[in-house]
Amino acid sequence: MLLLALALLTTCAEKIDFGPDAGITYRDAHNYPHGDDPTDWTSDGSWNKKEKALFSFATKIELNGSQLGGLTNMSFFPNPVAAGGAGQFHFDSKMTAIKAKLVFVDQQYKVIQNQEIAIDAPRLSFMQAFPPDKFSSGHVYRMYYAFYGADGTLYQKGHGDIKIDK
């Protein structure tokens, strides 16, 4: 009985807690907010081992080190996004010639999709597709991001939660 309880606690501890009310920052198709999760689309402090492992490509980057910042007005819209649809990730940046790594995971930290983008303008919005063969309707996914320079400088890291609508 004790082993079963321990197994359940371990399994639960390895799941992402998206927070109350789906844990997302609700935004309409024009990027107007309709509810907020204050942990989304901002700078994260320390990441746990599972979160850091998502960025194992970045051996030169100290993911729990200091962040220089320089990115503002981050958002994702619409949220929730229609099943099989697309949304926009938006942010303003003071820097150019940096990169961002985006990793999309389910509640158990299983990587669904990842990509790298080059930042070459002070303001950037780009479309992100959510194909139904990867993203199931009615589920919430987390997008982790890390903005960094070629020299290993960490500008900002964080996360945002995205719900796929039914």
Protein backbone atom coordinates (compact mmCIF):
# COMPACT_ATOMS: atom_id res chain seq x y z
CA MET A 1 0.00 0.00 0.00
CA LEU A 2 2.84 2.38 0.85
CA LEU A 3 4.50 1.68 -2.51
CA LEU A 4 1.26 2.45 -4.36
CA ALA A 5 0.91 5.78 -2.53
CA LEU A 6 4.54 6.66 -3.28
CA ALA A 7 4.09 5.76 -6.96
CA LEU A 8 1.02 7.98 -7.20
CA LEU A 9 2.79 10.90 -5.54
CA THR A 10 5.79 10.53 -7.84
CA THR A 11 3.57 10.38 -10.92
CA CYS A 12 1.60 13.46 -9.84
CA ALA A 13 4.77 15.42 -9.07
CA GLU A 14 5.98 14.95 -12.63
CA LYS A 15 2.96 16.65 -14.15
CA ILE A 16 2.76 20.32 -15.01
CA ASP A 17 0.31 22.28 -12.92
CA PHE A 18 -1.16 24.72 -15.43
CA GLY A 19 -3.02 26.57 -12.68
CA PRO A 20 -6.67 27.44 -12.06
CA ASP A 21 -9.26 27.87 -14.82
CA ALA A 22 -7.23 25.98 -17.47
CA GLY A 23 -4.15 27.98 -16.46
CA ILE A 24 -4.00 30.08 -19.62
CA THR A 25 -3.98 33.76 -20.42
CA TYR A 26 -7.16 34.19 -22.46
CA ARG A 27 -6.78 36.45 -25.50
CA ASP A 28 -9.02 37.04 -28.48
CA ALA A 29 -8.05 37.10 -32.17
CA HIS A 30 -7.04 40.80 -31.83
CA ASN A 31 -4.74 40.09 -28.87
CA TYR A 32 -7.09 41.69 -26.32
CA PRO A 33 -6.87 40.02 -22.89
CA HIS A 34 -9.91 38.27 -21.39
CA GLY A 35 -8.33 36.74 -18.30
CA ASP A 36 -4.80 36.36 -17.05
CA ASP A 37 -2.39 33.79 -15.68
CA PRO A 38 0.40 35.93 -14.19
CA THR A 39 2.97 33.14 -14.65
CA ASP A 40 2.52 33.04 -18.44
CA TRP A 41 4.53 35.00 -21.01
CA THR A 42 6.98 36.50 -18.56
CA SER A 43 10.43 35.63 -17.25
CA ASP A 44 10.81 32.43 -15.22
CA GLY A 45 13.25 32.09 -12.34
CA SER A 46 14.80 28.67 -11.77
CA TRP A 47 13.73 25.72 -13.89
CA ASN A 48 13.55 22.17 -12.58
CA LYS A 49 15.59 19.30 -14.06
CA LYS A 50 12.87 18.32 -16.55
CA GLU A 51 12.51 21.89 -17.81
CA LYS A 52 16.26 22.35 -18.19
CA ALA A 53 16.53 19.01 -20.02
CA LEU A 54 14.18 20.36 -22.72
CA PHE A 55 17.01 22.71 -23.68
CA SER A 56 19.89 20.23 -23.55
CA PHE A 57 21.06 21.58 -26.94
CA ALA A 58 22.17 24.74 -25.15
CA THR A 59 25.26 23.48 -23.37
CA LYS A 60 26.84 26.95 -23.31
CA ILE A 61 23.78 28.58 -21.77
CA GLU A 62 23.28 28.61 -18.00
CA LEU A 63 19.50 28.33 -17.96
CA ASN A 64 19.21 29.10 -14.25
CA GLY A 65 21.73 31.93 -14.46
CA SER A 66 20.96 35.62 -14.65
CA GLN A 67 18.86 36.90 -17.53
CA LEU A 68 19.67 40.16 -19.28
CA GLY A 69 16.04 40.78 -20.31
CA GLY A 70 15.22 43.10 -23.15
CA LEU A 71 12.02 41.37 -24.27
CA THR A 72 8.62 42.85 -23.52
CA ASN A 73 4.95 42.65 -24.50
CA MET A 74 4.96 38.87 -24.87
CA SER A 75 1.68 37.26 -25.73
CA PHE A 76 0.07 34.43 -27.62
CA PHE A 77 -3.27 34.85 -29.38
CA PRO A 78 -5.91 33.72 -29.76
CA ASN A 79 -5.85 31.60 -26.66
CA PRO A 80 -7.55 29.18 -26.70
CA VAL A 81 -6.67 28.42 -30.31
CA ALA A 82 -9.01 26.46 -32.57
CA ALA A 83 -8.26 22.75 -32.98
CA GLY A 84 -6.11 22.32 -36.07
CA GLY A 85 -5.65 26.09 -36.24
CA ALA A 86 -2.84 28.55 -35.64
CA GLY A 87 -2.02 31.40 -33.31
CA GLN A 88 0.54 34.18 -33.07
CA PHE A 89 3.43 34.45 -30.66
CA HIS A 90 4.26 38.13 -30.27
CA PHE A 91 7.00 40.05 -28.45
CA ASP A 92 9.08 43.21 -28.64
CA SER A 93 12.85 42.93 -28.45
CA LYS A 94 15.58 45.50 -27.97
CA MET A 95 18.07 43.13 -29.57
CA THR A 96 18.53 41.70 -33.02
CA ALA A 97 20.73 38.82 -34.11
CA ILE A 98 19.63 36.55 -31.26
CA LYS A 99 17.82 33.24 -31.31
CA ALA A 100 14.88 31.71 -29.55
CA LYS A 101 14.27 28.04 -28.93
CA LEU A 102 10.61 27.05 -28.45
CA VAL A 103 9.61 23.71 -26.97
CA PHE A 104 5.98 22.59 -26.78
CA VAL A 105 5.17 19.92 -24.19
CA ASP A 106 2.13 18.14 -22.82
CA GLN A 107 1.28 17.90 -19.11
CA GLN A 108 3.85 15.11 -18.59
CA TYR A 109 6.70 17.13 -20.20
CA LYS A 110 6.54 15.01 -23.38
CA VAL A 111 7.95 17.09 -26.23
CA ILE A 112 5.30 17.55 -28.91
CA GLN A 113 7.19 19.98 -31.12
CA ASN A 114 10.23 22.23 -30.97
CA GLN A 115 11.76 24.85 -33.18
CA GLU A 116 14.34 27.58 -33.29
CA ILE A 117 13.75 31.07 -34.62
CA ALA A 118 16.15 33.86 -35.49
CA ILE A 119 15.30 37.31 -34.15
CA ASP A 120 16.28 39.93 -36.69
CA ALA A 121 13.84 42.73 -35.92
CA PRO A 122 12.91 44.69 -32.80
CA ARG A 123 9.26 43.55 -32.98
CA LEU A 124 8.25 40.09 -33.99
CA SER A 125 5.07 38.11 -34.43
CA PHE A 126 4.96 34.77 -36.06
CA MET A 127 2.30 32.19 -36.71
CA GLN A 128 2.41 28.86 -34.91
CA ALA A 129 0.37 25.99 -36.32
CA PHE A 130 -1.19 23.34 -34.10
CA PRO A 131 -1.73 20.31 -36.36
CA PRO A 132 -4.39 17.92 -35.00
CA ASP A 133 -2.08 14.92 -35.34
CA LYS A 134 0.18 16.46 -32.66
CA PHE A 135 -2.11 18.69 -30.57
CA SER A 136 -5.40 17.24 -29.27
CA SER A 137 -8.46 19.42 -28.86
CA GLY A 138 -9.54 20.10 -25.31
CA HIS A 139 -5.97 19.86 -23.96
CA VAL A 140 -3.57 22.46 -22.58
CA TYR A 141 0.07 22.51 -23.69
CA ARG A 142 3.01 24.49 -22.39
CA MET A 143 5.40 26.39 -24.63
CA TYR A 144 8.81 26.94 -23.04
CA TYR A 145 11.05 29.55 -24.61
CA ALA A 146 14.65 30.64 -24.22
CA PHE A 147 16.10 33.71 -25.96
CA TYR A 148 19.88 33.64 -26.21
CA GLY A 149 22.91 34.91 -28.09
CA ALA A 150 25.52 32.94 -30.02
CA ASP A 151 27.97 33.58 -27.17
CA GLY A 152 25.72 31.84 -24.64
CA THR A 153 24.16 34.99 -23.21
CA LEU A 154 20.70 34.24 -21.81
CA TYR A 155 18.34 37.13 -22.46
CA GLN A 156 15.11 35.61 -21.20
CA LYS A 157 13.44 32.29 -20.52
CA GLY A 158 9.89 31.51 -19.61
CA HIS A 159 6.73 29.70 -20.53
CA GLY A 160 3.15 30.17 -21.59
CA ASP A 161 0.20 27.79 -21.61
CA ILE A 162 -1.94 27.32 -24.70
CA LYS A 163 -5.29 25.58 -24.83
CA ILE A 164 -6.49 23.82 -27.96
CA ASP A 165 -10.21 24.43 -28.25
CA LYS A 166 -12.75 21.77 -29.09
